[in-house]
Amino acid sequence: PLEFENKFVFLGHYSEIIVNGQMIVLTHYPIGSWNEMKKGEEGDSWNIHGHTHANYEFGKPSNLNFKQLDVSWETFKKPVSFEDVNRLMKKRM
């Protein structure tokens, strides 16, 4: 990982992390399949991504049918906290 002024860490273009027991796959680009993806089941992993500038249907906050979320600046107009992501993702299938 590369640290930027001790505030941000670049983890690469694909990283798997676990936060509060939730597996999250972080990617710059949205992907169609990722580790531990089991659409519709409890405990599914999430794909949190950017790049699409709020133009990717599956990553929109209003799309409750897929476990992807576009956290680009154009989507939220601010950095997004884990609490915000968790709240949005818990509403999805």
C-alpha atoms as a PDB file:
ATOM      1  CA  PRO A   1       0.000   0.000   0.000  1.00  0.00           C
ATOM      2  CA  LEU A   2       1.048   3.575  -0.647  1.00  0.00           C
ATOM      3  CA  GLU A   3       0.238   6.170   2.010  1.00  0.00           C
ATOM      4  CA  PHE A   4      -0.693   9.719   1.079  1.00  0.00           C
ATOM      5  CA  GLU A   5      -0.082  12.232   3.875  1.00  0.00           C
ATOM      6  CA  ASN A   6      -1.189   9.560   6.399  1.00  0.00           C
ATOM      7  CA  LYS A   7      -4.840  10.263   5.537  1.00  0.00           C
ATOM      8  CA  PHE A   8      -5.388   7.960   2.572  1.00  0.00           C
ATOM      9  CA  VAL A   9      -3.889   4.616   1.653  1.00  0.00           C
ATOM     10  CA  PHE A  10      -3.789   3.312  -1.921  1.00  0.00           C
ATOM     11  CA  LEU A  11      -4.518  -0.421  -1.721  1.00  0.00           C
ATOM     12  CA  GLY A  12      -4.215  -1.101  -5.438  1.00  0.00           C
ATOM     13  CA  HIS A  13      -6.870  -1.715  -8.055  1.00  0.00           C
ATOM     14  CA  TYR A  14      -8.327  -4.771  -6.266  1.00  0.00           C
ATOM     15  CA  SER A  15      -8.333  -5.357  -2.517  1.00  0.00           C
ATOM     16  CA  GLU A  16     -10.325  -7.566  -0.184  1.00  0.00           C
ATOM     17  CA  ILE A  17     -10.903  -6.251   3.317  1.00  0.00           C
ATOM     18  CA  ILE A  18     -13.119  -7.157   6.262  1.00  0.00           C
ATOM     19  CA  VAL A  19     -14.706  -4.381   8.303  1.00  0.00           C
ATOM     20  CA  ASN A  20     -16.837  -5.289  11.340  1.00  0.00           C
ATOM     21  CA  GLY A  21     -17.185  -8.827   9.952  1.00  0.00           C
ATOM     22  CA  GLN A  22     -18.285  -7.651   6.489  1.00  0.00           C
ATOM     23  CA  MET A  23     -16.164  -8.716   3.530  1.00  0.00           C
ATOM     24  CA  ILE A  24     -15.719  -5.885   1.035  1.00  0.00           C
ATOM     25  CA  VAL A  25     -14.029  -6.063  -2.347  1.00  0.00           C
ATOM     26  CA  LEU A  26     -12.617  -2.651  -3.229  1.00  0.00           C
ATOM     27  CA  THR A  27     -12.005  -1.942  -6.907  1.00  0.00           C
ATOM     28  CA  HIS A  28     -11.443   1.152  -8.975  1.00  0.00           C
ATOM     29  CA  TYR A  29     -13.576  -0.249 -11.792  1.00  0.00           C
ATOM     30  CA  PRO A  30     -16.850  -2.113 -11.068  1.00  0.00           C
ATOM     31  CA  ILE A  31     -16.596  -5.833 -11.779  1.00  0.00           C
ATOM     32  CA  GLY A  32     -19.251  -8.402 -12.671  1.00  0.00           C
ATOM     33  CA  SER A  33     -18.061 -11.128 -10.304  1.00  0.00           C
ATOM     34  CA  TRP A  34     -15.974 -10.991  -7.134  1.00  0.00           C
ATOM     35  CA  ASN A  35     -14.883 -13.228  -4.269  1.00  0.00           C
ATOM     36  CA  GLU A  36     -17.657 -14.373  -1.902  1.00  0.00           C
ATOM     37  CA  MET A  37     -20.371 -12.934  -4.145  1.00  0.00           C
ATOM     38  CA  LYS A  38     -23.597 -14.866  -3.497  1.00  0.00           C
ATOM     39  CA  LYS A  39     -26.325 -12.546  -4.659  1.00  0.00           C
ATOM     40  CA  GLY A  40     -29.323 -12.548  -2.331  1.00  0.00           C
ATOM     41  CA  GLU A  41     -27.774 -14.424   0.593  1.00  0.00           C
ATOM     42  CA  GLU A  42     -26.928 -13.161   4.075  1.00  0.00           C
ATOM     43  CA  GLY A  43     -23.219 -12.567   4.475  1.00  0.00           C
ATOM     44  CA  ASP A  44     -22.594 -11.659   0.838  1.00  0.00           C
ATOM     45  CA  SER A  45     -19.506  -9.656   0.082  1.00  0.00           C
ATOM     46  CA  TRP A  46     -19.844  -6.208  -1.443  1.00  0.00           C
ATOM     47  CA  ASN A  47     -18.070  -4.559  -4.376  1.00  0.00           C
ATOM     48  CA  ILE A  48     -17.344  -0.941  -3.530  1.00  0.00           C
ATOM     49  CA  HIS A  49     -15.952   0.909  -6.542  1.00  0.00           C
ATOM     50  CA  GLY A  50     -15.482   4.237  -8.242  1.00  0.00           C
ATOM     51  CA  HIS A  51     -14.654   5.187 -11.816  1.00  0.00           C
ATOM     52  CA  THR A  52     -18.163   5.269 -13.273  1.00  0.00           C
ATOM     53  CA  HIS A  53     -18.957   8.837 -12.207  1.00  0.00           C
ATOM     54  CA  ALA A  54     -22.512   7.870 -11.132  1.00  0.00           C
ATOM     55  CA  ASN A  55     -23.301   6.350 -14.550  1.00  0.00           C
ATOM     56  CA  TYR A  56     -23.277   2.626 -13.684  1.00  0.00           C
ATOM     57  CA  GLU A  57     -26.770   1.299 -12.982  1.00  0.00           C
ATOM     58  CA  PHE A  58     -25.708  -1.526 -10.623  1.00  0.00           C
ATOM     59  CA  GLY A  59     -23.631   0.846  -8.485  1.00  0.00           C
ATOM     60  CA  LYS A  60     -26.217   3.563  -7.934  1.00  0.00           C
ATOM     61  CA  PRO A  61     -27.350   4.028  -4.313  1.00  0.00           C
ATOM     62  CA  SER A  62     -30.969   3.665  -5.449  1.00  0.00           C
ATOM     63  CA  ASN A  63     -30.388   0.193  -6.982  1.00  0.00           C
ATOM     64  CA  LEU A  64     -31.365  -2.243  -4.225  1.00  0.00           C
ATOM     65  CA  ASN A  65     -30.905  -5.372  -6.342  1.00  0.00           C
ATOM     66  CA  PHE A  66     -27.133  -5.705  -6.463  1.00  0.00           C
ATOM     67  CA  LYS A  67     -24.335  -5.603  -3.885  1.00  0.00           C
ATOM     68  CA  GLN A  68     -22.245  -2.956  -5.637  1.00  0.00           C
ATOM     69  CA  LEU A  69     -21.892   0.692  -4.742  1.00  0.00           C
ATOM     70  CA  ASP A  70     -20.252   3.511  -6.690  1.00  0.00           C
ATOM     71  CA  VAL A  71     -18.587   5.770  -4.138  1.00  0.00           C
ATOM     72  CA  SER A  72     -17.218   8.209  -6.715  1.00  0.00           C
ATOM     73  CA  TRP A  73     -17.324  11.928  -6.030  1.00  0.00           C
ATOM     74  CA  GLU A  74     -20.140  12.392  -8.554  1.00  0.00           C
ATOM     75  CA  THR A  75     -22.346   9.982  -6.613  1.00  0.00           C
ATOM     76  CA  PHE A  76     -22.083  11.519  -3.126  1.00  0.00           C
ATOM     77  CA  LYS A  77     -20.196  14.832  -3.540  1.00  0.00           C
ATOM     78  CA  LYS A  78     -18.155  13.926  -0.421  1.00  0.00           C
ATOM     79  CA  PRO A  79     -15.986  11.141   0.965  1.00  0.00           C
ATOM     80  CA  VAL A  80     -18.202   8.254   2.075  1.00  0.00           C
ATOM     81  CA  SER A  81     -17.782   6.683   5.522  1.00  0.00           C
ATOM     82  CA  PHE A  82     -18.105   2.986   6.293  1.00  0.00           C
ATOM     83  CA  GLU A  83     -21.259   3.828   8.262  1.00  0.00           C
ATOM     84  CA  ASP A  84     -22.810   5.415   5.152  1.00  0.00           C
ATOM     85  CA  VAL A  85     -21.828   2.450   2.975  1.00  0.00           C
ATOM     86  CA  ASN A  86     -23.072  -0.047   5.578  1.00  0.00           C
ATOM     87  CA  ARG A  87     -26.441   1.693   5.880  1.00  0.00           C
ATOM     88  CA  LEU A  88     -26.940   1.691   2.108  1.00  0.00           C
ATOM     89  CA  MET A  89     -25.715  -1.856   1.541  1.00  0.00           C
ATOM     90  CA  LYS A  90     -27.849  -3.388   4.315  1.00  0.00           C
ATOM     91  CA  LYS A  91     -30.946  -2.323   2.318  1.00  0.00           C
ATOM     92  CA  ARG A  92     -29.871  -4.382  -0.688  1.00  0.00           C
ATOM     93  CA  MET A  93     -30.757  -7.987  -1.481  1.00  0.00           C
END
